[in-house]
Amino acid sequence: MATFTCLLSSPLFSHPKRHRLHHHPLPFSPSQLKSDWGYGRRVLVRVKCSNEPSDDGVEAETGLRSSGSGIGSGISSYSWCAGLGGLGFLETSYLSYLKFTGSDAFCPVGGGSCGDVLNSSYAAVFGIPLPFIGMVAYGAAAFLALKLAAKDLPFGIDESNGGLILLGTTTSMATASAYFLYILNTQFAEASCSYCLASVLLSFSLFFTTAKSLGWQKIREEVGLQICIAGLVFAALSNSYSASALPPPTRFGEKFLPYTPTEIKAPSSPLALKLAAHLRSVGAKMYGAFWCSHCLEQKEMFGQEAAKMLDYGECYPDGFKIGTPLSQECKEVKIRGFPMWVIKGQVLEGIQEFPALAKASGFEAGEFSGELAELAKLSAEANMQP
């Protein structure tokens, strides 16, 4: 773009088609030009002339393409990565809490729960709990994506290298998720783990969003790096589980589980004996499955003698395998999970403490009032703990 001075003279206006000033407007009005020309003065006008073809449409299109490219492959995509990483961080933080506190939800009807997977030998890599590893990975991905979106990377890292670091992080997360999805489908075929599936979805979404941010051309250029990272993750997980000498999970790895009566070893307390007798007298009934660890825990609370007094309904009396239907009685009461109590028309799901069973059944504690009150206090304190 060059700037020079043009001398306006009569030929300029007598042959408008031969002398054009492109699309740039004149810095004066036609009336002013006519007036000045009428007095015989020459007007010097500074205009900008280009030695290359150009027009508004081309400039506007170029600017729009540049702006759209920045939005599509940079800040907005990295912001999506940060959001997905934040969701994954929250989910794995919750799973870490369940892991470290030993908390668990009641068993689903399908034959296992997220707690069964979380408490299995597969839930640790080289002794480190898997949810904690996921929490660190999601947190790192969210932090890096936020910094990339703000173009404020730490340690002097430029945007190109920062994008590659994020790509390596999400590639390793997607590879690990694929490996764990295979473990879930083969070793825990009957376990229902919605949190596990949500984590798989988030990690793959992070990878594809990162790929969109960098552009598929860049992804193709770095395919060797991604294969190397995926191979290292796969080898590390395989070595970890091989070193642990994991036994095959008997409850979910077999095609058929024959019915086996649960064995109660704990002795019964006087309170447990009296409460069990009362529950049976009012028609209270407990429903469960022989493979359900929570059902066994509920019976252990009563002890060996009192557990035999309970009215118990087994939902898989002929054994369990994929597709085995519930017993007719369990279908009629619409079992949704194990254990489940039906007391005077009221449904209680999951393991129930003695105070809750006593309240639902109208149990008169008498001499056991103090013991029940103490159990209720301990239960409330346990529920209030983070």
Protein backbone atom coordinates (compact mmCIF):
# COMPACT_ATOMS: atom_id res chain seq x y z
CA MET A 1 0.00 0.00 0.00
CA ALA A 2 1.67 3.29 -1.11
CA THR A 3 0.72 6.91 -0.37
CA PHE A 4 1.37 9.66 -2.88
CA THR A 5 -0.11 12.96 -4.07
CA CYS A 6 -2.31 13.09 -7.17
CA LEU A 7 -2.74 16.34 -9.10
CA LEU A 8 -6.37 16.74 -10.20
CA SER A 9 -6.81 18.28 -13.61
CA SER A 10 -9.51 18.39 -16.24
CA PRO A 11 -8.58 15.11 -17.98
CA LEU A 12 -9.32 13.31 -14.75
CA PHE A 13 -12.98 14.20 -14.96
CA SER A 14 -13.32 14.17 -18.73
CA HIS A 15 -12.31 10.49 -18.87
CA PRO A 16 -13.66 8.81 -15.71
CA LYS A 17 -13.40 5.33 -17.15
CA ARG A 18 -9.69 5.64 -17.81
CA HIS A 19 -8.76 7.01 -14.40
CA ARG A 20 -10.30 5.38 -11.38
CA LEU A 21 -9.41 5.80 -7.72
CA HIS A 22 -10.70 2.31 -6.95
CA HIS A 23 -13.33 2.28 -4.18
CA HIS A 24 -11.77 4.89 -1.89
CA PRO A 25 -14.08 7.95 -1.44
CA LEU A 26 -12.79 11.42 -2.17
CA PRO A 27 -12.00 13.51 0.89
CA PHE A 28 -14.14 16.38 -0.44
CA SER A 29 -17.61 16.84 -1.86
CA PRO A 30 -18.40 17.28 -5.56
CA SER A 31 -19.80 20.74 -4.86
CA GLN A 32 -16.55 21.78 -3.22
CA LEU A 33 -14.62 20.40 -6.21
CA LYS A 34 -16.82 22.31 -8.63
CA SER A 35 -16.46 25.49 -6.68
CA ASP A 36 -12.70 25.19 -6.44
CA TRP A 37 -12.41 24.25 -10.10
CA GLY A 38 -14.55 27.23 -11.08
CA TYR A 39 -12.05 29.58 -9.54
CA GLY A 40 -9.34 27.99 -11.59
CA ARG A 41 -7.46 26.52 -8.67
CA ARG A 42 -5.80 23.17 -8.71
CA VAL A 43 -6.52 20.90 -5.80
CA LEU A 44 -3.92 18.55 -4.40
CA VAL A 45 -5.47 15.46 -2.90
CA ARG A 46 -3.63 12.79 -0.83
CA VAL A 47 -5.00 9.38 -1.63
CA LYS A 48 -3.80 5.85 -0.96
CA CYS A 49 -3.27 3.73 -4.01
CA SER A 50 -2.45 0.05 -4.02
CA ASN A 51 -0.11 -1.58 -6.45
CA GLU A 52 -2.05 -4.87 -5.96
CA PRO A 53 -5.72 -5.61 -6.68
CA SER A 54 -7.94 -5.37 -3.64
CA ASP A 55 -11.58 -4.76 -2.75
CA ASP A 56 -13.82 -4.67 0.30
CA GLY A 57 -15.29 -8.10 -0.33
CA VAL A 58 -11.90 -9.81 -0.34
CA GLU A 59 -10.75 -7.97 2.80
CA ALA A 60 -13.99 -8.73 4.63
CA GLU A 61 -13.85 -12.40 3.67
CA THR A 62 -10.22 -12.66 4.79
CA GLY A 63 -10.95 -11.05 8.15
CA LEU A 64 -13.98 -13.26 8.76
CA ARG A 65 -12.05 -16.40 7.89
CA SER A 66 -9.27 -15.41 10.28
CA SER A 67 -11.72 -14.70 13.09
CA GLY A 68 -13.63 -17.94 12.59
CA SER A 69 -10.44 -19.96 12.53
CA GLY A 70 -9.38 -18.52 15.85
CA ILE A 71 -12.71 -19.33 17.46
CA GLY A 72 -13.09 -22.80 16.00
CA SER A 73 -9.62 -24.11 16.78
CA GLY A 74 -8.57 -22.16 19.82
CA ILE A 75 -10.29 -20.53 22.75
CA SER A 76 -13.82 -21.95 22.55
CA SER A 77 -12.65 -25.54 22.07
CA TYR A 78 -10.17 -25.25 24.92
CA SER A 79 -12.96 -23.87 27.08
CA TRP A 80 -15.00 -26.98 26.31
CA CYS A 81 -12.00 -29.08 27.31
CA ALA A 82 -11.80 -27.22 30.61
CA GLY A 83 -15.50 -27.84 31.27
CA LEU A 84 -15.25 -31.55 30.50
CA GLY A 85 -12.15 -31.85 32.65
CA GLY A 86 -13.96 -30.11 35.51
CA LEU A 87 -16.85 -32.57 35.33
CA GLY A 88 -14.43 -35.49 35.34
CA PHE A 89 -12.60 -34.01 38.32
CA LEU A 90 -15.84 -33.76 40.32
CA GLU A 91 -16.86 -37.32 39.46
CA THR A 92 -13.51 -38.88 40.31
CA SER A 93 -13.32 -36.83 43.51
CA TYR A 94 -16.61 -38.38 44.59
CA LEU A 95 -15.39 -41.87 43.69
CA SER A 96 -12.18 -41.21 45.63
CA TYR A 97 -14.29 -40.30 48.64
CA LEU A 98 -16.21 -43.57 48.34
CA LYS A 99 -12.95 -45.49 47.97
CA PHE A 100 -11.19 -43.97 50.96
CA THR A 101 -14.22 -44.11 53.28
CA GLY A 102 -15.38 -47.55 52.20
CA SER A 103 -18.85 -46.17 51.42
CA ASP A 104 -21.08 -47.93 48.95
CA ALA A 105 -24.62 -47.88 47.57
CA PHE A 106 -26.96 -50.87 47.75
CA CYS A 107 -26.61 -53.60 45.14
CA PRO A 108 -28.60 -53.16 41.92
CA VAL A 109 -30.75 -56.02 40.67
CA GLY A 110 -28.35 -56.73 37.79
CA GLY A 111 -25.80 -58.56 39.93
CA GLY A 112 -23.22 -56.02 41.02
CA SER A 113 -22.71 -52.34 41.59
CA CYS A 114 -20.21 -49.57 41.13
CA GLY A 115 -19.02 -50.40 44.64
CA ASP A 116 -18.11 -53.93 43.57
CA VAL A 117 -15.92 -52.52 40.81
CA LEU A 118 -14.50 -49.77 43.02
CA ASN A 119 -13.54 -52.22 45.75
CA SER A 120 -12.09 -54.84 43.41
CA SER A 121 -8.40 -55.50 42.79
CA TYR A 122 -8.72 -53.75 39.43
CA ALA A 123 -9.42 -50.43 41.15
CA ALA A 124 -5.73 -49.75 41.85
CA VAL A 125 -2.70 -49.33 39.59
CA PHE A 126 0.62 -50.11 41.27
CA GLY A 127 -1.11 -49.69 44.61
CA ILE A 128 -2.56 -46.24 43.80
CA PRO A 129 -6.38 -46.06 43.85
CA LEU A 130 -7.70 -45.59 40.32
CA PRO A 131 -10.19 -42.80 41.21
CA PHE A 132 -7.32 -40.75 42.65
CA ILE A 133 -5.32 -41.17 39.43
CA GLY A 134 -8.37 -40.07 37.45
CA MET A 135 -8.86 -37.05 39.70
CA VAL A 136 -5.28 -35.90 39.07
CA ALA A 137 -5.57 -36.50 35.30
CA TYR A 138 -8.88 -34.65 34.91
CA GLY A 139 -7.63 -31.81 37.09
CA ALA A 140 -4.44 -31.45 35.03
CA ALA A 141 -6.40 -31.47 31.76
CA ALA A 142 -8.85 -28.83 33.03
CA PHE A 143 -6.03 -26.59 34.32
CA LEU A 144 -4.02 -26.82 31.09
CA ALA A 145 -7.11 -26.18 28.93
CA LEU A 146 -7.98 -23.08 30.98
CA LYS A 147 -4.46 -21.75 30.54
CA LEU A 148 -4.57 -22.43 26.80
CA ALA A 149 -7.93 -20.65 26.52
CA ALA A 150 -6.52 -17.62 28.35
CA LYS A 151 -3.21 -17.84 26.45
CA ASP A 152 -1.42 -17.69 29.78
CA LEU A 153 0.66 -20.86 29.97
CA PRO A 154 3.05 -21.37 32.91
CA PHE A 155 6.81 -22.06 32.81
CA GLY A 156 7.24 -20.23 29.51
CA ILE A 157 5.43 -22.93 27.51
CA ASP A 158 4.16 -21.64 24.16
CA GLU A 159 0.70 -22.42 22.83
CA SER A 160 1.93 -25.04 20.36
CA ASN A 161 3.75 -27.09 23.01
CA GLY A 162 0.88 -26.59 25.45
CA GLY A 163 -1.51 -28.06 22.92
CA LEU A 164 0.76 -31.09 22.46
CA ILE A 165 0.92 -31.62 26.23
CA LEU A 166 -2.89 -31.53 26.41
CA LEU A 167 -3.08 -33.94 23.48
CA GLY A 168 -0.72 -36.36 25.22
CA THR A 169 -2.75 -36.13 28.45
CA THR A 170 -6.09 -36.78 26.78
CA THR A 171 -4.62 -39.56 24.63
CA SER A 172 -3.41 -41.38 27.73
CA MET A 173 -6.80 -40.89 29.42
CA ALA A 174 -8.71 -42.22 26.41
CA THR A 175 -6.39 -45.23 26.17
CA ALA A 176 -6.82 -46.04 29.86
CA SER A 177 -10.60 -45.68 29.56
CA ALA A 178 -10.67 -48.08 26.62
CA TYR A 179 -8.62 -50.59 28.63
CA PHE A 180 -10.91 -50.31 31.66
CA LEU A 181 -14.01 -50.58 29.49
CA TYR A 182 -12.64 -53.91 28.24
CA ILE A 183 -12.04 -55.03 31.85
CA LEU A 184 -15.54 -53.95 32.83
CA ASN A 185 -17.16 -55.89 29.99
CA THR A 186 -15.12 -59.07 30.43
CA GLN A 187 -14.45 -59.35 34.16
CA PHE A 188 -17.55 -57.59 35.54
CA ALA A 189 -20.12 -58.53 32.95
CA GLU A 190 -23.04 -58.22 35.37
CA ALA A 191 -21.85 -55.15 37.27
CA SER A 192 -23.77 -51.93 36.70
CA CYS A 193 -21.33 -49.01 37.03
CA SER A 194 -22.80 -45.79 35.66
CA TYR A 195 -19.91 -43.75 37.08
CA CYS A 196 -17.42 -45.88 35.17
CA LEU A 197 -19.28 -45.40 31.90
CA ALA A 198 -19.60 -41.65 32.52
CA SER A 199 -15.83 -41.42 33.03
CA VAL A 200 -15.24 -43.27 29.75
CA LEU A 201 -17.54 -40.85 27.93
CA LEU A 202 -15.84 -37.80 29.45
CA SER A 203 -12.32 -38.97 28.63
CA PHE A 204 -13.16 -39.73 25.00
CA SER A 205 -14.98 -36.41 24.69
CA LEU A 206 -11.87 -34.66 26.03
CA PHE A 207 -9.68 -36.38 23.45
CA PHE A 208 -11.90 -35.50 20.47
CA THR A 209 -12.37 -31.90 21.66
CA THR A 210 -8.61 -31.52 21.99
CA ALA A 211 -8.18 -32.95 18.51
CA LYS A 212 -10.63 -30.38 17.16
CA SER A 213 -8.74 -27.59 18.93
CA LEU A 214 -5.42 -28.55 17.35
CA GLY A 215 -6.86 -29.44 13.96
CA TRP A 216 -6.87 -32.84 12.28
CA GLN A 217 -3.79 -31.93 10.22
CA LYS A 218 -1.81 -31.50 13.44
CA ILE A 219 -3.22 -34.75 14.81
CA ARG A 220 -2.05 -36.62 11.71
CA GLU A 221 1.41 -35.11 12.08
CA GLU A 222 1.63 -36.27 15.72
CA VAL A 223 0.10 -39.73 15.24
CA GLY A 224 3.42 -41.36 16.07
CA LEU A 225 3.53 -39.59 19.45
CA GLN A 226 -0.03 -40.67 20.23
CA ILE A 227 0.69 -44.32 19.37
CA CYS A 228 3.75 -44.22 21.63
CA ILE A 229 1.78 -42.76 24.55
CA ALA A 230 -1.08 -45.25 24.09
CA GLY A 231 1.40 -48.13 24.03
CA LEU A 232 3.10 -46.98 27.23
CA VAL A 233 -0.25 -46.65 29.04
CA PHE A 234 -1.38 -50.08 27.88
CA ALA A 235 1.93 -51.67 28.96
CA ALA A 236 1.84 -49.98 32.37
CA LEU A 237 -1.70 -51.17 33.11
CA SER A 238 -0.98 -54.70 31.92
CA ASN A 239 2.18 -54.93 34.04
CA SER A 240 0.38 -53.59 37.09
CA TYR A 241 -2.37 -56.20 36.92
CA SER A 242 0.03 -59.00 36.04
CA ALA A 243 2.22 -58.16 39.04
CA SER A 244 -0.82 -58.25 41.31
CA ALA A 245 -1.60 -61.88 40.32
CA LEU A 246 -5.30 -61.08 40.29
CA PRO A 247 -7.64 -64.01 40.73
CA PRO A 248 -10.57 -64.06 38.33
CA PRO A 249 -13.67 -62.50 39.92
CA THR A 250 -15.87 -65.49 40.71
CA ARG A 251 -19.14 -63.61 40.99
CA PHE A 252 -19.13 -61.96 37.61
CA GLY A 253 -16.66 -63.90 35.51
CA GLU A 254 -18.58 -67.19 35.55
CA LYS A 255 -21.44 -67.96 33.22
CA PHE A 256 -23.45 -69.57 35.98
CA LEU A 257 -23.39 -69.18 39.78
CA PRO A 258 -25.06 -72.05 41.60
CA TYR A 259 -27.12 -71.10 44.61
CA THR A 260 -25.11 -71.21 47.83
CA PRO A 261 -26.68 -70.42 51.21
CA THR A 262 -24.93 -67.60 53.02
CA GLU A 263 -23.02 -68.52 56.15
CA ILE A 264 -23.43 -66.22 59.16
CA LYS A 265 -20.61 -66.39 61.69
CA ALA A 266 -21.28 -63.48 64.08
CA PRO A 267 -23.17 -64.24 67.31
CA SER A 268 -26.53 -62.58 67.99
CA SER A 269 -26.98 -59.95 70.69
CA PRO A 270 -30.08 -59.90 72.94
CA LEU A 271 -31.32 -56.80 71.08
CA ALA A 272 -30.89 -58.53 67.71
CA LEU A 273 -32.81 -61.59 68.89
CA LYS A 274 -35.71 -59.54 70.24
CA LEU A 275 -35.86 -57.27 67.15
CA ALA A 276 -35.76 -60.22 64.75
CA ALA A 277 -38.64 -61.91 66.60
CA HIS A 278 -40.66 -58.69 66.49
CA LEU A 279 -40.01 -58.18 62.76
CA ARG A 280 -41.25 -61.66 62.00
CA SER A 281 -44.35 -61.18 64.17
CA VAL A 282 -45.44 -58.04 62.28
CA GLY A 283 -44.89 -59.66 58.85
CA ALA A 284 -41.71 -57.75 57.92
CA LYS A 285 -39.72 -59.40 55.19
CA MET A 286 -36.22 -58.96 53.81
CA TYR A 287 -35.48 -59.66 50.13
CA GLY A 288 -32.01 -60.31 48.77
CA ALA A 289 -29.69 -62.38 46.60
CA PHE A 290 -27.15 -64.98 47.68
CA TRP A 291 -24.36 -63.20 45.75
CA CYS A 292 -25.10 -59.78 47.30
CA SER A 293 -22.39 -58.70 49.77
CA HIS A 294 -24.72 -56.11 51.32
CA CYS A 295 -27.33 -58.75 52.05
CA LEU A 296 -24.68 -60.76 53.86
CA GLU A 297 -23.65 -57.66 55.80
CA GLN A 298 -27.27 -57.05 56.85
CA LYS A 299 -27.60 -60.63 58.14
CA GLU A 300 -24.27 -60.35 59.97
CA MET A 301 -25.70 -57.39 61.88
CA PHE A 302 -28.36 -59.72 63.30
CA GLY A 303 -25.97 -62.59 63.91
CA GLN A 304 -26.30 -66.32 63.34
CA GLU A 305 -29.30 -67.07 65.60
CA ALA A 306 -31.33 -63.93 64.87
CA ALA A 307 -30.78 -64.12 61.10
CA LYS A 308 -32.50 -67.52 61.06
CA MET A 309 -35.57 -65.92 62.66
CA LEU A 310 -35.96 -63.33 59.88
CA ASP A 311 -38.49 -63.86 57.11
CA TYR A 312 -36.14 -63.80 54.13
CA GLY A 313 -36.96 -64.04 50.44
CA GLU A 314 -34.25 -65.23 48.04
CA CYS A 315 -34.72 -63.73 44.58
CA TYR A 316 -32.44 -66.24 42.80
CA PRO A 317 -33.17 -69.59 44.48
CA ASP A 318 -32.06 -71.59 41.42
CA GLY A 319 -28.75 -69.83 40.91
CA PHE A 320 -27.74 -66.86 38.84
CA LYS A 321 -26.56 -66.37 35.28
CA ILE A 322 -26.96 -63.76 32.58
CA GLY A 323 -30.65 -63.33 31.86
CA THR A 324 -31.88 -65.24 34.92
CA PRO A 325 -35.27 -63.74 35.91
CA LEU A 326 -36.22 -62.83 39.46
CA SER A 327 -38.40 -65.20 41.43
CA GLN A 328 -42.12 -64.58 41.06
CA GLU A 329 -42.43 -63.16 44.58
CA CYS A 330 -39.60 -60.66 43.97
CA LYS A 331 -41.25 -59.60 40.71
CA GLU A 332 -44.53 -58.96 42.52
CA VAL A 333 -42.95 -56.69 45.12
CA LYS A 334 -41.05 -54.87 42.35
CA ILE A 335 -37.52 -55.35 43.64
CA ARG A 336 -35.19 -52.54 42.57
CA GLY A 337 -32.10 -53.43 44.60
CA PHE A 338 -30.73 -55.58 47.38
CA PRO A 339 -31.27 -55.79 50.24
CA MET A 340 -34.85 -54.54 50.38
CA TRP A 341 -37.24 -54.59 53.34
CA VAL A 342 -41.04 -54.51 53.23
CA ILE A 343 -42.41 -53.55 56.66
CA LYS A 344 -46.11 -52.76 57.12
CA GLY A 345 -46.37 -51.67 53.48
CA GLN A 346 -43.28 -49.47 53.72
CA VAL A 347 -40.30 -50.21 51.46
CA LEU A 348 -36.77 -49.68 52.81
CA GLU A 349 -33.89 -50.10 50.34
CA GLY A 350 -30.31 -50.88 51.26
CA ILE A 351 -28.74 -51.91 54.56
CA GLN A 352 -30.89 -50.76 57.48
CA GLU A 353 -29.61 -50.00 60.98
CA PHE A 354 -31.50 -51.36 63.98
CA PRO A 355 -33.03 -47.95 64.90
CA ALA A 356 -34.55 -47.60 61.42
CA LEU A 357 -35.99 -51.12 61.52
CA ALA A 358 -37.35 -50.57 65.03
CA LYS A 359 -39.05 -47.32 64.03
CA ALA A 360 -40.59 -48.74 60.84
CA SER A 361 -41.94 -51.84 62.62
CA GLY A 362 -43.13 -50.14 65.82
CA PHE A 363 -40.68 -52.04 67.99
CA GLU A 364 -41.04 -51.38 71.74
CA ALA A 365 -37.45 -51.21 72.92
CA GLY A 366 -38.07 -51.35 76.65
CA GLU A 367 -34.79 -52.26 78.31
CA PHE A 368 -32.99 -51.77 74.96
CA SER A 369 -34.01 -48.10 74.62
CA GLY A 370 -30.59 -46.86 75.65
CA GLU A 371 -28.80 -49.20 73.27
CA LEU A 372 -31.01 -48.18 70.35
CA ALA A 373 -30.50 -44.50 71.17
CA GLU A 374 -26.74 -44.98 71.16
CA LEU A 375 -26.88 -46.82 67.82
CA ALA A 376 -29.00 -44.03 66.36
CA LYS A 377 -26.46 -41.44 67.53
CA LEU A 378 -23.54 -43.34 66.02
CA SER A 379 -25.43 -43.74 62.73
CA ALA A 380 -26.20 -40.01 62.58
CA GLU A 381 -22.56 -39.09 63.24
CA ALA A 382 -21.36 -41.48 60.54
CA ASN A 383 -23.74 -39.93 58.02
CA MET A 384 -22.53 -36.41 58.86
CA GLN A 385 -18.89 -37.21 58.20
CA PRO A 386 -17.55 -35.93 54.85
